[in-house]
Amino acid sequence: MEALRENFIFLLPLFLINLALIAVALVDLVKREKVPGGSKWLWGAAIVFIQYLGPLAYLVLGRKED
């Protein structure tokens, strides 16, 4: 039981950071009319299903202005 508690304390901040990245990326995606490099559906799937890398890729690559 102690090992579970130690892992939880380590994993909780990582989970919250991931959740925040997903939320910020999805809100930005919904507000934009067009996104470069693909469709909104493709970016949305990447943001939700590819942990950490999906939201970071969108925030770095998908937010570029045309």
PDB file of N, CA and C in Angstrom:
ATOM      1  N   MET A   1       0.818  -1.196   0.000  1.00  0.00           N
ATOM      2  CA  MET A   1       0.000   0.000   0.000  1.00  0.00           C
ATOM      3  C   MET A   1       0.866   1.267   0.000  1.00  0.00           C
ATOM      4  N   GLU A   2       2.009   1.195   0.674  1.00  0.00           N
ATOM      5  CA  GLU A   2       2.917   2.337   0.721  1.00  0.00           C
ATOM      6  C   GLU A   2       3.485   2.653  -0.667  1.00  0.00           C
ATOM      7  N   ALA A   3       3.786   1.612  -1.437  1.00  0.00           N
ATOM      8  CA  ALA A   3       4.310   1.823  -2.789  1.00  0.00           C
ATOM      9  C   ALA A   3       3.281   2.531  -3.664  1.00  0.00           C
ATOM     10  N   LEU A   4       2.024   2.181  -3.501  1.00  0.00           N
ATOM     11  CA  LEU A   4       0.959   2.833  -4.262  1.00  0.00           C
ATOM     12  C   LEU A   4       0.888   4.314  -3.914  1.00  0.00           C
ATOM     13  N   ARG A   5       0.997   4.638  -2.662  1.00  0.00           N
ATOM     14  CA  ARG A   5       0.953   6.034  -2.225  1.00  0.00           C
ATOM     15  C   ARG A   5       2.155   6.812  -2.783  1.00  0.00           C
ATOM     16  N   GLU A   6       3.327   6.209  -2.752  1.00  0.00           N
ATOM     17  CA  GLU A   6       4.515   6.874  -3.298  1.00  0.00           C
ATOM     18  C   GLU A   6       4.376   7.116  -4.799  1.00  0.00           C
ATOM     19  N   ASN A   7       3.861   6.146  -5.516  1.00  0.00           N
ATOM     20  CA  ASN A   7       3.654   6.310  -6.960  1.00  0.00           C
ATOM     21  C   ASN A   7       2.593   7.360  -7.244  1.00  0.00           C
ATOM     22  N   PHE A   8       1.543   7.387  -6.443  1.00  0.00           N
ATOM     23  CA  PHE A   8       0.468   8.350  -6.638  1.00  0.00           C
ATOM     24  C   PHE A   8       0.986   9.773  -6.466  1.00  0.00           C
ATOM     25  N   ILE A   9       1.803   9.985  -5.456  1.00  0.00           N
ATOM     26  CA  ILE A   9       2.361  11.314  -5.207  1.00  0.00           C
ATOM     27  C   ILE A   9       3.233  11.762  -6.378  1.00  0.00           C
ATOM     28  N   PHE A  10       3.930  10.848  -7.011  1.00  0.00           N
ATOM     29  CA  PHE A  10       4.763  11.174  -8.165  1.00  0.00           C
ATOM     30  C   PHE A  10       3.927  11.374  -9.427  1.00  0.00           C
ATOM     31  N   LEU A  11       2.906  10.547  -9.615  1.00  0.00           N
ATOM     32  CA  LEU A  11       2.141  10.572 -10.859  1.00  0.00           C
ATOM     33  C   LEU A  11       1.077  11.667 -10.904  1.00  0.00           C
ATOM     34  N   LEU A  12       0.585  12.110  -9.772  1.00  0.00           N
ATOM     35  CA  LEU A  12      -0.467  13.122  -9.760  1.00  0.00           C
ATOM     36  C   LEU A  12      -0.043  14.419 -10.455  1.00  0.00           C
ATOM     37  N   PRO A  13       1.124  14.984 -10.168  1.00  0.00           N
ATOM     38  CA  PRO A  13       1.514  16.200 -10.898  1.00  0.00           C
ATOM     39  C   PRO A  13       1.651  15.976 -12.407  1.00  0.00           C
ATOM     40  N   LEU A  14       2.160  14.823 -12.803  1.00  0.00           N
ATOM     41  CA  LEU A  14       2.270  14.527 -14.234  1.00  0.00           C
ATOM     42  C   LEU A  14       0.897  14.452 -14.886  1.00  0.00           C
ATOM     43  N   PHE A  15      -0.050  13.829 -14.206  1.00  0.00           N
ATOM     44  CA  PHE A  15      -1.415  13.733 -14.709  1.00  0.00           C
ATOM     45  C   PHE A  15      -2.036  15.125 -14.843  1.00  0.00           C
ATOM     46  N   LEU A  16      -1.843  15.971 -13.846  1.00  0.00           N
ATOM     47  CA  LEU A  16      -2.426  17.313 -13.882  1.00  0.00           C
ATOM     48  C   LEU A  16      -1.794  18.174 -14.976  1.00  0.00           C
ATOM     49  N   ILE A  17      -0.499  18.037 -15.187  1.00  0.00           N
ATOM     50  CA  ILE A  17       0.163  18.769 -16.274  1.00  0.00           C
ATOM     51  C   ILE A  17      -0.384  18.317 -17.622  1.00  0.00           C
ATOM     52  N   ASN A  18      -0.541  17.016 -17.796  1.00  0.00           N
ATOM     53  CA  ASN A  18      -1.085  16.485 -19.043  1.00  0.00           C
ATOM     54  C   ASN A  18      -2.509  16.985 -19.265  1.00  0.00           C
ATOM     55  N   LEU A  19      -3.320  16.973 -18.224  1.00  0.00           N
ATOM     56  CA  LEU A  19      -4.700  17.441 -18.322  1.00  0.00           C
ATOM     57  C   LEU A  19      -4.743  18.921 -18.702  1.00  0.00           C
ATOM     58  N   ALA A  20      -3.874  19.718 -18.118  1.00  0.00           N
ATOM     59  CA  ALA A  20      -3.824  21.144 -18.441  1.00  0.00           C
ATOM     60  C   ALA A  20      -3.390  21.365 -19.890  1.00  0.00           C
ATOM     61  N   LEU A  21      -2.398  20.618 -20.347  1.00  0.00           N
ATOM     62  CA  LEU A  21      -1.956  20.732 -21.742  1.00  0.00           C
ATOM     63  C   LEU A  21      -3.090  20.391 -22.704  1.00  0.00           C
ATOM     64  N   ILE A  22      -3.807  19.319 -22.412  1.00  0.00           N
ATOM     65  CA  ILE A  22      -4.926  18.915 -23.265  1.00  0.00           C
ATOM     66  C   ILE A  22      -5.997  20.000 -23.284  1.00  0.00           C
ATOM     67  N   ALA A  23      -6.338  20.540 -22.123  1.00  0.00           N
ATOM     68  CA  ALA A  23      -7.379  21.563 -22.045  1.00  0.00           C
ATOM     69  C   ALA A  23      -6.985  22.814 -22.824  1.00  0.00           C
ATOM     70  N   VAL A  24      -5.776  23.292 -22.638  1.00  0.00           N
ATOM     71  CA  VAL A  24      -5.321  24.502 -23.337  1.00  0.00           C
ATOM     72  C   VAL A  24      -5.304  24.277 -24.846  1.00  0.00           C
ATOM     73  N   ALA A  25      -4.790  23.145 -25.273  1.00  0.00           N
ATOM     74  CA  ALA A  25      -4.712  22.859 -26.705  1.00  0.00           C
ATOM     75  C   ALA A  25      -6.102  22.717 -27.323  1.00  0.00           C
ATOM     76  N   LEU A  26      -7.018  22.029 -26.643  1.00  0.00           N
ATOM     77  CA  LEU A  26      -8.364  21.859 -27.198  1.00  0.00           C
ATOM     78  C   LEU A  26      -9.124  23.180 -27.258  1.00  0.00           C
ATOM     79  N   VAL A  27      -8.997  24.008 -26.238  1.00  0.00           N
ATOM     80  CA  VAL A  27      -9.672  25.310 -26.257  1.00  0.00           C
ATOM     81  C   VAL A  27      -9.142  26.157 -27.408  1.00  0.00           C
ATOM     82  N   ASP A  28      -7.841  26.174 -27.599  1.00  0.00           N
ATOM     83  CA  ASP A  28      -7.258  26.929 -28.700  1.00  0.00           C
ATOM     84  C   ASP A  28      -7.708  26.371 -30.046  1.00  0.00           C
ATOM     85  N   LEU A  29      -7.754  25.059 -30.162  1.00  0.00           N
ATOM     86  CA  LEU A  29      -8.175  24.417 -31.411  1.00  0.00           C
ATOM     87  C   LEU A  29      -9.609  24.786 -31.764  1.00  0.00           C
ATOM     88  N   VAL A  30     -10.492  24.778 -30.795  1.00  0.00           N
ATOM     89  CA  VAL A  30     -11.901  25.086 -31.046  1.00  0.00           C
ATOM     90  C   VAL A  30     -12.073  26.545 -31.471  1.00  0.00           C
ATOM     91  N   LYS A  31     -11.271  27.437 -30.929  1.00  0.00           N
ATOM     92  CA  LYS A  31     -11.404  28.861 -31.235  1.00  0.00           C
ATOM     93  C   LYS A  31     -10.890  29.228 -32.624  1.00  0.00           C
ATOM     94  N   ARG A  32     -10.027  28.429 -33.197  1.00  0.00           N
ATOM     95  CA  ARG A  32      -9.438  28.749 -34.503  1.00  0.00           C
ATOM     96  C   ARG A  32     -10.355  28.310 -35.643  1.00  0.00           C
ATOM     97  N   GLU A  33     -10.363  29.128 -36.712  1.00  0.00           N
ATOM     98  CA  GLU A  33     -11.136  28.764 -37.895  1.00  0.00           C
ATOM     99  C   GLU A  33     -10.403  27.722 -38.725  1.00  0.00           C
ATOM    100  N   LYS A  34      -9.100  27.935 -38.912  1.00  0.00           N
ATOM    101  CA  LYS A  34      -8.287  27.014 -39.707  1.00  0.00           C
ATOM    102  C   LYS A  34      -7.026  26.681 -38.936  1.00  0.00           C
ATOM    103  N   VAL A  35      -6.534  25.477 -39.146  1.00  0.00           N
ATOM    104  CA  VAL A  35      -5.258  25.079 -38.552  1.00  0.00           C
ATOM    105  C   VAL A  35      -4.347  24.578 -39.663  1.00  0.00           C
ATOM    106  N   PRO A  36      -3.076  24.945 -39.615  1.00  0.00           N
ATOM    107  CA  PRO A  36      -2.153  24.464 -40.649  1.00  0.00           C
ATOM    108  C   PRO A  36      -1.776  23.010 -40.425  1.00  0.00           C
ATOM    109  N   GLY A  37      -1.483  22.328 -41.501  1.00  0.00           N
ATOM    110  CA  GLY A  37      -0.960  20.971 -41.383  1.00  0.00           C
ATOM    111  C   GLY A  37      -1.996  19.898 -41.128  1.00  0.00           C
ATOM    112  N   GLY A  38      -3.248  20.135 -41.438  1.00  0.00           N
ATOM    113  CA  GLY A  38      -4.246  19.093 -41.256  1.00  0.00           C
ATOM    114  C   GLY A  38      -5.582  19.655 -40.828  1.00  0.00           C
ATOM    115  N   SER A  39      -6.510  18.754 -40.609  1.00  0.00           N
ATOM    116  CA  SER A  39      -7.849  19.174 -40.220  1.00  0.00           C
ATOM    117  C   SER A  39      -7.953  19.308 -38.704  1.00  0.00           C
ATOM    118  N   LYS A  40      -9.007  19.970 -38.275  1.00  0.00           N
ATOM    119  CA  LYS A  40      -9.241  20.102 -36.834  1.00  0.00           C
ATOM    120  C   LYS A  40      -9.462  18.740 -36.190  1.00  0.00           C
ATOM    121  N   TRP A  41     -10.143  17.848 -36.900  1.00  0.00           N
ATOM    122  CA  TRP A  41     -10.403  16.511 -36.347  1.00  0.00           C
ATOM    123  C   TRP A  41      -9.104  15.751 -36.113  1.00  0.00           C
ATOM    124  N   LEU A  42      -8.187  15.876 -37.043  1.00  0.00           N
ATOM    125  CA  LEU A  42      -6.898  15.194 -36.905  1.00  0.00           C
ATOM    126  C   LEU A  42      -6.117  15.746 -35.717  1.00  0.00           C
ATOM    127  N   TRP A  43      -6.063  17.077 -35.598  1.00  0.00           N
ATOM    128  CA  TRP A  43      -5.376  17.678 -34.463  1.00  0.00           C
ATOM    129  C   TRP A  43      -6.073  17.313 -33.156  1.00  0.00           C
ATOM    130  N   GLY A  44      -7.396  17.317 -33.155  1.00  0.00           N
ATOM    131  CA  GLY A  44      -8.130  16.957 -31.935  1.00  0.00           C
ATOM    132  C   GLY A  44      -7.827  15.541 -31.485  1.00  0.00           C
ATOM    133  N   ALA A  45      -7.774  14.616 -32.430  1.00  0.00           N
ATOM    134  CA  ALA A  45      -7.447  13.226 -32.092  1.00  0.00           C
ATOM    135  C   ALA A  45      -6.026  13.122 -31.558  1.00  0.00           C
ATOM    136  N   ALA A  46      -5.096  13.842 -32.179  1.00  0.00           N
ATOM    137  CA  ALA A  46      -3.708  13.810 -31.705  1.00  0.00           C
ATOM    138  C   ALA A  46      -3.598  14.388 -30.299  1.00  0.00           C
ATOM    139  N   ILE A  47      -4.304  15.473 -30.045  1.00  0.00           N
ATOM    140  CA  ILE A  47      -4.260  16.107 -28.723  1.00  0.00           C
ATOM    141  C   ILE A  47      -4.778  15.160 -27.648  1.00  0.00           C
ATOM    142  N   VAL A  48      -5.873  14.477 -27.930  1.00  0.00           N
ATOM    143  CA  VAL A  48      -6.511  13.635 -26.915  1.00  0.00           C
ATOM    144  C   VAL A  48      -5.815  12.289 -26.750  1.00  0.00           C
ATOM    145  N   PHE A  49      -5.388  11.675 -27.847  1.00  0.00           N
ATOM    146  CA  PHE A  49      -4.918  10.291 -27.765  1.00  0.00           C
ATOM    147  C   PHE A  49      -3.401  10.124 -27.656  1.00  0.00           C
ATOM    148  N   ILE A  50      -2.626  11.132 -28.020  1.00  0.00           N
ATOM    149  CA  ILE A  50      -1.170  11.011 -27.917  1.00  0.00           C
ATOM    150  C   ILE A  50      -0.733  11.830 -26.705  1.00  0.00           C
ATOM    151  N   GLN A  51      -0.576  11.168 -25.602  1.00  0.00           N
ATOM    152  CA  GLN A  51      -0.291  11.830 -24.334  1.00  0.00           C
ATOM    153  C   GLN A  51       0.969  12.671 -24.409  1.00  0.00           C
ATOM    154  N   TYR A  52       0.904  13.864 -23.877  1.00  0.00           N
ATOM    155  CA  TYR A  52       1.986  14.848 -23.820  1.00  0.00           C
ATOM    156  C   TYR A  52       2.432  15.316 -25.201  1.00  0.00           C
ATOM    157  N   LEU A  53       2.779  14.416 -26.092  1.00  0.00           N
ATOM    158  CA  LEU A  53       3.298  14.823 -27.396  1.00  0.00           C
ATOM    159  C   LEU A  53       2.225  15.449 -28.282  1.00  0.00           C
ATOM    160  N   GLY A  54       0.998  14.959 -28.218  1.00  0.00           N
ATOM    161  CA  GLY A  54      -0.079  15.513 -29.033  1.00  0.00           C
ATOM    162  C   GLY A  54      -0.349  16.977 -28.717  1.00  0.00           C
ATOM    163  N   PRO A  55      -0.625  17.301 -27.445  1.00  0.00           N
ATOM    164  CA  PRO A  55      -0.857  18.710 -27.114  1.00  0.00           C
ATOM    165  C   PRO A  55       0.364  19.594 -27.374  1.00  0.00           C
ATOM    166  N   LEU A  56       1.548  19.091 -27.054  1.00  0.00           N
ATOM    167  CA  LEU A  56       2.756  19.887 -27.293  1.00  0.00           C
ATOM    168  C   LEU A  56       2.984  20.114 -28.784  1.00  0.00           C
ATOM    169  N   ALA A  57       2.762  19.094 -29.601  1.00  0.00           N
ATOM    170  CA  ALA A  57       2.921  19.243 -31.048  1.00  0.00           C
ATOM    171  C   ALA A  57       1.940  20.277 -31.587  1.00  0.00           C
ATOM    172  N   TYR A  58       0.700  20.240 -31.109  1.00  0.00           N
ATOM    173  CA  TYR A  58      -0.280  21.226 -31.570  1.00  0.00           C
ATOM    174  C   TYR A  58       0.133  22.631 -31.142  1.00  0.00           C
ATOM    175  N   LEU A  59       0.525  22.787 -29.890  1.00  0.00           N
ATOM    176  CA  LEU A  59       0.878  24.118 -29.401  1.00  0.00           C
ATOM    177  C   LEU A  59       2.108  24.681 -30.108  1.00  0.00           C
ATOM    178  N   VAL A  60       3.021  23.819 -30.551  1.00  0.00           N
ATOM    179  CA  VAL A  60       4.220  24.291 -31.243  1.00  0.00           C
ATOM    180  C   VAL A  60       3.985  24.410 -32.752  1.00  0.00           C
ATOM    181  N   LEU A  61       3.378  23.403 -33.364  1.00  0.00           N
ATOM    182  CA  LEU A  61       3.245  23.362 -34.824  1.00  0.00           C
ATOM    183  C   LEU A  61       1.883  23.814 -35.334  1.00  0.00           C
ATOM    184  N   GLY A  62       0.827  23.489 -34.623  1.00  0.00           N
ATOM    185  CA  GLY A  62      -0.517  23.738 -35.119  1.00  0.00           C
ATOM    186  C   GLY A  62      -1.015  25.151 -34.933  1.00  0.00           C
ATOM    187  N   ARG A  63      -0.327  25.944 -34.148  1.00  0.00           N
ATOM    188  CA  ARG A  63      -0.778  27.306 -33.893  1.00  0.00           C
ATOM    189  C   ARG A  63      -0.122  28.319 -34.817  1.00  0.00           C
ATOM    190  N   LYS A  64       0.731  27.870 -35.704  1.00  0.00           N
ATOM    191  CA  LYS A  64       1.397  28.801 -36.621  1.00  0.00           C
ATOM    192  C   LYS A  64       0.360  29.480 -37.500  1.00  0.00           C
ATOM    193  N   GLU A  65       0.537  30.767 -37.678  1.00  0.00           N
ATOM    194  CA  GLU A  65      -0.377  31.532 -38.526  1.00  0.00           C
ATOM    195  C   GLU A  65      -0.067  31.259 -39.988  1.00  0.00           C
ATOM    196  N   ASP A  66      -1.100  31.283 -40.813  1.00  0.00           N
ATOM    197  CA  ASP A  66      -0.919  31.086 -42.261  1.00  0.00           C
ATOM    198  C   ASP A  66      -0.344  32.318 -42.912  1.00  0.00           C
TER     199      ASP A  66
END
